[in-house]
Protein backbone atom coordinates (compact mmCIF):
# COMPACT_ATOMS: atom_id res chain seq x y z
CA MET A 1 39.84 -13.06 11.23
CA GLU A 2 37.68 -14.70 8.75
CA ILE A 3 35.15 -17.49 9.13
CA PHE A 4 33.71 -17.15 5.57
CA ASN A 5 35.83 -16.64 2.45
CA PRO A 6 35.58 -12.93 1.60
CA HIS A 7 35.93 -13.57 -2.09
CA SER A 8 33.04 -16.18 -2.15
CA ASN A 9 29.92 -15.55 -4.27
CA ILE A 10 27.02 -16.66 -2.38
CA ASN A 11 23.86 -15.37 -4.29
CA PHE A 12 22.03 -14.03 -1.33
CA LEU A 13 19.91 -11.81 -3.59
CA ARG A 14 18.48 -14.85 -5.35
CA TRP A 15 16.16 -15.15 -2.36
CA ARG A 16 15.21 -11.32 -2.24
CA ASN A 17 11.55 -11.75 -3.24
CA ILE A 18 11.06 -14.40 -0.41
CA SER A 19 13.14 -12.42 2.09
CA ILE A 20 11.14 -9.26 1.27
CA VAL A 21 7.76 -11.20 1.65
CA ILE A 22 8.71 -12.71 4.78
CA ALA A 23 9.84 -9.45 6.27
CA LEU A 24 6.52 -7.61 5.32
CA LEU A 25 4.57 -10.51 6.86
CA LEU A 26 6.59 -10.23 10.01
CA MET A 27 5.88 -6.58 10.06
CA LEU A 28 2.26 -6.93 9.64
CA ALA A 29 1.99 -9.52 12.26
CA SER A 30 4.07 -7.55 14.77
CA ALA A 31 2.01 -4.42 14.18
CA GLY A 32 -1.34 -6.33 14.57
CA LEU A 33 0.11 -7.80 17.91
CA ILE A 34 0.96 -4.37 19.28
CA PHE A 35 -2.22 -2.81 18.17
CA THR A 36 -4.35 -5.65 19.37
CA LYS A 37 -2.70 -7.27 22.33
CA GLY A 38 -0.53 -4.32 23.26
CA LEU A 39 2.71 -4.28 25.22
CA ASN A 40 2.78 -5.76 28.89
CA TYR A 41 3.87 -2.39 30.49
CA SER A 42 5.43 -2.78 33.64
CA LEU A 43 5.19 -0.56 36.86
CA ASP A 44 7.71 1.93 35.15
CA PHE A 45 4.93 2.71 32.67
CA THR A 46 1.58 1.77 34.26
CA GLY A 47 2.16 3.02 37.74
CA GLY A 48 1.50 0.75 40.90
CA VAL A 49 3.22 0.09 44.26
CA LEU A 50 6.74 -1.15 44.80
CA VAL A 51 7.45 -2.77 48.18
CA GLU A 52 10.93 -3.62 49.32
CA ALA A 53 11.52 -6.25 52.17
CA ALA A 54 14.81 -7.69 53.88
CA TYR A 55 15.35 -10.74 55.46
CA ASP A 56 18.16 -11.98 58.09
CA THR A 57 19.04 -14.82 55.90
CA PRO A 58 18.72 -15.68 52.19
CA VAL A 59 15.07 -16.55 51.07
CA ASP A 60 13.76 -18.38 47.98
CA VAL A 61 12.27 -16.05 45.44
CA ASN A 62 10.02 -18.57 44.15
CA ALA A 63 8.90 -19.55 47.72
CA VAL A 64 7.93 -15.81 48.34
CA ARG A 65 6.16 -15.55 44.95
CA HIS A 66 4.15 -18.66 46.01
CA THR A 67 3.26 -17.11 49.38
CA LEU A 68 1.97 -13.94 47.66
CA ASP A 69 -0.19 -15.94 45.26
CA SER A 70 -1.31 -17.93 48.15
CA ALA A 71 -2.42 -14.47 49.93
CA GLY A 72 -4.27 -13.28 46.75
CA PHE A 73 -1.45 -11.39 45.27
CA GLU A 74 -1.52 -13.06 41.96
CA GLY A 75 0.80 -12.08 39.25
CA ALA A 76 2.98 -10.02 41.54
CA LEU A 77 6.51 -9.40 40.14
CA VAL A 78 9.09 -10.54 42.74
CA THR A 79 12.90 -10.09 42.26
CA GLY A 80 15.76 -10.61 44.73
CA ALA A 81 18.90 -8.89 45.58
CA SER A 82 21.87 -8.82 47.96
CA GLY A 83 22.18 -12.60 47.63
CA ASN A 84 18.51 -12.93 47.86
CA ARG A 85 18.39 -11.52 51.47
CA GLU A 86 16.36 -8.42 49.94
CA ILE A 87 13.44 -8.66 47.73
CA SER A 88 11.04 -6.27 45.70
CA VAL A 89 7.43 -6.94 45.21
CA ARG A 90 5.87 -4.85 42.20
CA LEU A 91 2.13 -4.72 41.92
CA GLN A 92 0.13 -3.26 39.02
CA PRO A 93 -2.76 -0.92 39.47
CA LYS A 94 -5.32 -3.32 38.64
CA GLN A 95 -4.20 -5.58 41.47
CA ASP A 96 -3.75 -2.70 43.91
CA ALA A 97 -7.45 -1.77 43.29
CA GLU A 98 -8.74 -5.15 43.91
CA LEU A 99 -6.41 -6.11 46.80
CA SER A 100 -6.60 -2.80 48.96
CA ALA A 101 -10.17 -1.81 48.71
CA LYS A 102 -9.99 -0.85 52.52
CA ALA A 103 -7.82 2.00 51.30
CA LYS A 104 -10.55 4.04 50.06
CA ALA A 105 -12.18 3.98 53.29
CA GLU A 106 -8.78 5.00 55.04
CA ALA A 107 -8.30 7.68 52.47
CA ALA A 108 -11.34 9.53 53.70
CA SER A 109 -9.76 9.79 57.25
CA ALA A 110 -6.40 10.30 56.04
CA VAL A 111 -3.93 13.07 57.30
CA PRO A 112 -4.44 16.38 55.53
CA GLY A 113 -2.10 16.70 52.59
CA GLU A 114 -1.65 12.75 52.30
CA SER A 115 -3.24 11.55 48.84
CA ALA A 116 -5.57 8.63 48.50
CA ALA A 117 -2.89 6.90 46.24
CA GLN A 118 -0.26 7.17 49.02
CA VAL A 119 -2.78 5.80 51.53
CA ASN A 120 -3.28 3.07 48.93
CA ALA A 121 0.38 2.23 49.02
CA ASP A 122 0.48 2.18 52.70
CA ARG A 123 -2.38 -0.29 52.84
CA VAL A 124 -0.81 -2.50 50.15
CA ALA A 125 2.70 -2.69 51.72
CA ARG A 126 0.89 -3.72 55.14
CA ASP A 127 -0.85 -6.66 53.35
CA VAL A 128 2.19 -7.66 51.52
CA MET A 129 4.24 -7.72 54.82
CA ALA A 130 1.39 -9.51 56.72
CA ALA A 131 1.45 -12.23 53.95
CA LEU A 132 5.35 -12.30 54.24
CA LYS A 133 5.56 -12.36 57.94
CA ALA A 134 3.19 -15.13 58.22
CA LYS A 135 5.73 -17.38 56.39
CA ARG A 136 8.80 -15.79 57.56
CA LYS A 137 9.12 -13.80 60.96
CA ASP A 138 12.43 -12.44 59.96
CA ALA A 139 10.79 -10.38 57.09
CA THR A 140 11.06 -6.46 57.63
CA LEU A 141 9.87 -3.73 55.54
CA LYS A 142 12.56 -1.48 53.95
CA SER A 143 10.47 0.67 51.69
CA HIS A 144 7.36 1.20 49.80
CA GLU A 145 6.36 3.67 47.32
CA PHE A 146 3.45 4.70 44.78
CA VAL A 147 4.51 5.44 41.24
CA GLY A 148 1.52 7.37 39.60
CA PRO A 149 0.23 6.48 36.14
CA GLN A 150 0.87 10.05 34.95
CA VAL A 151 4.71 9.49 35.24
CA GLY A 152 4.13 6.29 33.44
CA GLN A 153 2.50 8.05 30.50
CA GLU A 154 5.13 10.69 30.37
CA LEU A 155 7.94 7.87 30.24
CA ALA A 156 6.02 5.96 27.38
CA ASN A 157 5.63 9.12 25.32
CA LYS A 158 9.27 10.19 25.97
CA GLY A 159 10.22 6.68 25.03
CA ALA A 160 8.37 6.87 21.72
CA VAL A 161 9.83 10.01 20.90
CA ALA A 162 13.24 8.76 21.64
CA VAL A 163 12.74 5.62 19.21
CA ILE A 164 11.40 8.11 16.52
CA PHE A 165 14.25 10.60 16.84
CA LEU A 166 16.89 7.88 16.67
CA ILE A 167 15.46 6.41 13.49
CA VAL A 168 14.95 9.86 11.86
CA GLY A 169 18.53 10.91 12.68
CA ILE A 170 19.97 7.76 11.52
CA MET A 171 18.06 8.35 8.00
CA ILE A 172 19.43 11.86 7.88
CA TYR A 173 22.90 10.68 8.43
CA LEU A 174 22.95 7.91 5.97
CA GLY A 175 21.30 10.40 3.53
CA ILE A 176 24.24 12.87 3.83
CA ARG A 177 27.04 10.20 4.10
CA PHE A 178 25.97 7.90 1.36
CA GLU A 179 22.83 8.74 -0.91
CA LYS A 180 18.99 9.07 -0.28
CA ARG A 181 18.35 5.52 -1.57
CA PHE A 182 20.56 4.08 1.17
CA ALA A 183 18.59 6.42 3.76
CA VAL A 184 15.31 4.89 2.61
CA ALA A 185 16.49 1.28 2.67
CA ALA A 186 18.12 2.04 6.28
CA LEU A 187 14.79 3.52 7.48
CA ALA A 188 12.70 0.38 6.09
CA THR A 189 15.05 -2.03 7.76
CA GLU A 190 15.07 -0.14 11.12
CA VAL A 191 11.42 -0.04 11.22
CA HIS A 192 11.28 -3.80 10.48
CA ASP A 193 13.97 -4.55 13.08
CA THR A 194 12.11 -2.47 15.82
CA LEU A 195 8.57 -3.78 14.90
CA VAL A 196 9.70 -7.36 14.99
CA THR A 197 11.50 -7.11 18.11
CA LEU A 198 8.42 -5.47 19.75
CA GLY A 199 6.06 -7.94 18.18
CA ILE A 200 8.03 -10.98 19.72
CA LEU A 201 8.00 -8.98 23.17
CA VAL A 202 4.25 -8.88 22.83
CA LEU A 203 4.02 -12.50 21.65
CA THR A 204 5.92 -13.89 24.63
CA GLY A 205 4.31 -11.63 26.94
CA ARG A 206 7.41 -10.19 28.53
CA ASP A 207 7.41 -7.13 30.65
CA PHE A 208 8.19 -3.81 28.90
CA ASP A 209 9.98 -1.52 31.35
CA MET A 210 12.71 1.04 31.10
CA THR A 211 15.72 -1.28 30.73
CA VAL A 212 13.90 -3.22 27.91
CA LEU A 213 13.07 0.43 26.46
CA ALA A 214 16.76 1.17 26.49
CA SER A 215 17.42 -2.22 24.99
CA VAL A 216 15.13 -1.42 21.91
CA LEU A 217 17.22 1.86 21.44
CA ALA A 218 20.40 -0.24 21.93
CA VAL A 219 18.95 -2.65 19.03
CA VAL A 220 18.37 0.24 16.59
CA GLY A 221 21.91 1.49 16.91
CA TYR A 222 23.32 -1.93 16.69
CA SER A 223 21.45 -2.77 13.64
CA ILE A 224 22.30 0.35 11.80
CA ASN A 225 25.82 -0.36 12.29
CA ASP A 226 25.65 -3.48 10.38
CA LYS A 227 23.85 -1.73 7.54
CA VAL A 228 26.60 1.12 7.63
CA VAL A 229 29.26 -1.50 7.08
CA VAL A 230 27.48 -3.12 4.15
CA PHE A 231 26.57 0.02 2.70
CA ASP A 232 30.17 1.13 2.89
CA ARG A 233 31.34 -1.90 1.01
CA VAL A 234 28.69 -1.34 -1.55
CA ARG A 235 30.02 2.23 -2.23
CA GLU A 236 33.62 1.15 -2.21
CA LEU A 237 32.85 -1.73 -4.77
CA PHE A 238 30.71 0.46 -6.93
CA ARG A 239 33.67 2.93 -7.41
CA LEU A 240 36.26 0.15 -7.80
CA VAL A 241 34.61 -2.26 -10.20
CA ARG A 242 34.55 -0.76 -13.84
CA LYS A 243 32.20 -3.37 -14.84
CA GLY A 244 29.33 -5.13 -12.84
CA GLU A 245 25.70 -5.19 -12.54
CA PRO A 246 24.25 -3.77 -9.28
CA GLU A 247 23.12 -7.15 -8.15
CA ASP A 248 26.63 -8.58 -8.74
CA ILE A 249 28.11 -5.60 -6.79
CA LEU A 250 25.65 -5.94 -3.98
CA ASN A 251 26.19 -9.68 -3.56
CA ARG A 252 30.03 -9.24 -3.42
CA ALA A 253 29.38 -6.46 -0.57
CA ILE A 254 27.28 -8.85 1.37
CA ASN A 255 29.85 -11.73 1.00
CA GLY A 256 32.73 -9.51 1.69
CA THR A 257 31.33 -8.26 5.14
CA LEU A 258 29.75 -11.65 5.95
CA SER A 259 32.38 -12.71 8.45
CA ARG A 260 32.57 -9.33 10.14
CA THR A 261 28.66 -9.42 10.56
CA ILE A 262 28.56 -12.89 11.91
CA ILE A 263 31.50 -12.64 14.37
CA THR A 264 30.34 -9.30 15.80
CA SER A 265 26.71 -10.57 16.25
CA LEU A 266 28.15 -13.71 17.72
CA PHE A 267 30.31 -12.29 20.28
CA THR A 268 27.58 -9.79 21.16
CA GLY A 269 25.10 -12.34 21.61
CA ILE A 270 27.42 -14.45 23.75
CA THR A 271 27.84 -11.46 26.05
CA MET A 272 24.17 -10.90 26.12
CA ILE A 273 23.53 -14.61 27.00
CA ALA A 274 25.99 -14.44 29.76
CA LEU A 275 24.15 -11.31 31.03
CA ALA A 276 20.70 -13.00 30.79
CA VAL A 277 21.97 -16.18 32.80
CA TRP A 278 24.07 -14.53 35.52
CA GLY A 279 23.28 -10.84 35.46
CA GLY A 280 20.07 -11.07 37.67
CA PRO A 281 16.42 -10.19 37.05
CA SER A 282 17.25 -6.55 36.88
CA VAL A 283 19.06 -6.80 33.52
CA HIS A 284 17.38 -10.02 32.21
CA GLY A 285 14.64 -7.86 30.08
CA PHE A 286 17.65 -5.80 28.56
CA ALA A 287 19.78 -8.96 27.77
CA ILE A 288 16.79 -10.91 26.14
CA THR A 289 15.58 -8.11 24.09
CA MET A 290 19.17 -7.45 22.91
CA ILE A 291 19.66 -11.21 21.81
CA ILE A 292 16.15 -11.06 19.87
CA GLY A 293 17.31 -7.71 18.16
CA ILE A 294 20.81 -9.04 17.31
CA ILE A 295 19.32 -12.08 15.50
CA ILE A 296 16.74 -9.92 13.62
CA GLY A 297 19.05 -7.03 12.84
CA THR A 298 21.77 -9.50 11.65
CA LEU A 299 19.48 -11.30 9.15
CA SER A 300 17.99 -7.93 7.82
CA SER A 301 21.30 -6.69 7.05
CA ILE A 302 21.99 -9.82 4.82
CA PHE A 303 18.56 -10.59 3.54
CA ILE A 304 16.54 -7.27 3.35
CA ALA A 305 18.91 -4.03 3.17
CA SER A 306 20.64 -5.01 0.09
CA PRO A 307 17.47 -6.29 -1.76
CA LEU A 308 15.97 -2.96 -0.86
CA LEU A 309 18.82 -0.98 -2.43
CA LEU A 310 18.39 -3.20 -5.62
CA TRP A 311 14.51 -2.47 -5.60
CA LEU A 312 15.22 1.33 -5.27
CA GLY A 313 17.48 1.14 -8.46
CA VAL A 314 21.11 2.00 -6.87
CA SER A 315 23.60 2.30 -9.48
CA LYS A 316 27.18 3.35 -9.95
CA LYS A 317 26.40 6.42 -11.14
CA ASP A 318 24.67 7.49 -7.89
CA LEU A 319 28.01 6.95 -5.87
CA MET A 320 30.42 8.52 -8.29
CA PRO A 321 32.01 11.83 -7.20
CA VAL A 322 30.23 14.78 -9.08
CA THR A 323 32.15 16.37 -11.82
CA ARG A 324 32.19 20.28 -11.64
CA ASP A 325 30.06 22.10 -14.02
CA ASN A 326 32.80 23.05 -16.26
CA PRO A 327 32.81 22.22 -20.03
CA GLU A 328 36.64 22.08 -20.09
CA LEU A 329 36.81 19.46 -17.25
CA ALA A 330 33.95 17.47 -18.51
CA ARG A 331 36.01 16.91 -21.82
CA ARG A 332 39.09 15.67 -19.93
CA PRO A 333 39.58 11.95 -19.50
């Protein structure tokens, strides 16, 4: 299936200087946002209290959120499940400290072995349920738990290690399969895709939880898949075309894989849109992050990866099979 003529000759590299400058500006802006504003870490990373409640009949999640706001629990994360007969309320540590100050006094008289954090979680759960029951008498507490910030910090560290390990592993793979210039170009584009995706998440203030972290890792893998397809066509054309400048070969490689790139991104994007609209709040962050990453990864495959290869000086000689070190074989045609 082709939506673009594979033999077309659109000169994508004509805009290479503009695309590289834009990519650098986006990376710098994203890095600045990440280091100044920071990611909006969710309960998975920051720690806090999770309260789960059930109702006899479906409840409007927005109404529950409004009820909690009125009770002083501003900014509480409320999600519904089981046909909105069950809800989960997530409260960040700062909120917990402000809204359950009485827990400190209760901690002094707590049962031996019961931590102040657990007493705090108990207090928050009671306050939340009191607010919910004031609006709907059929609200019942299912469970509540405290997630410590130490666990969150461990998850954050492991997540960062996972991203770095994935990118470095991909670079090593491309260096072995293709050539070191391809590995450098892939590493640069992967850093770009990851940084810009995270920068957009910071800019929009979206929560960064474990599902979003999984989506970022998926974006890295998805993005490199596009690059490998283009790189493979570049290697093939360098070996098949007897005469041709590197710029022409790279342009032909982009044009030859353009349909595949667009079709794959389009259908993957449609799937993620459906997941974002109908998948529910638990996977909404994953789907949105994937959509952002797909768009960025597709554009970088077309406008950044190949210009970097040209800038690094890739040539036909780099991709031809190495001749054995034998003078007799070297003289043969």
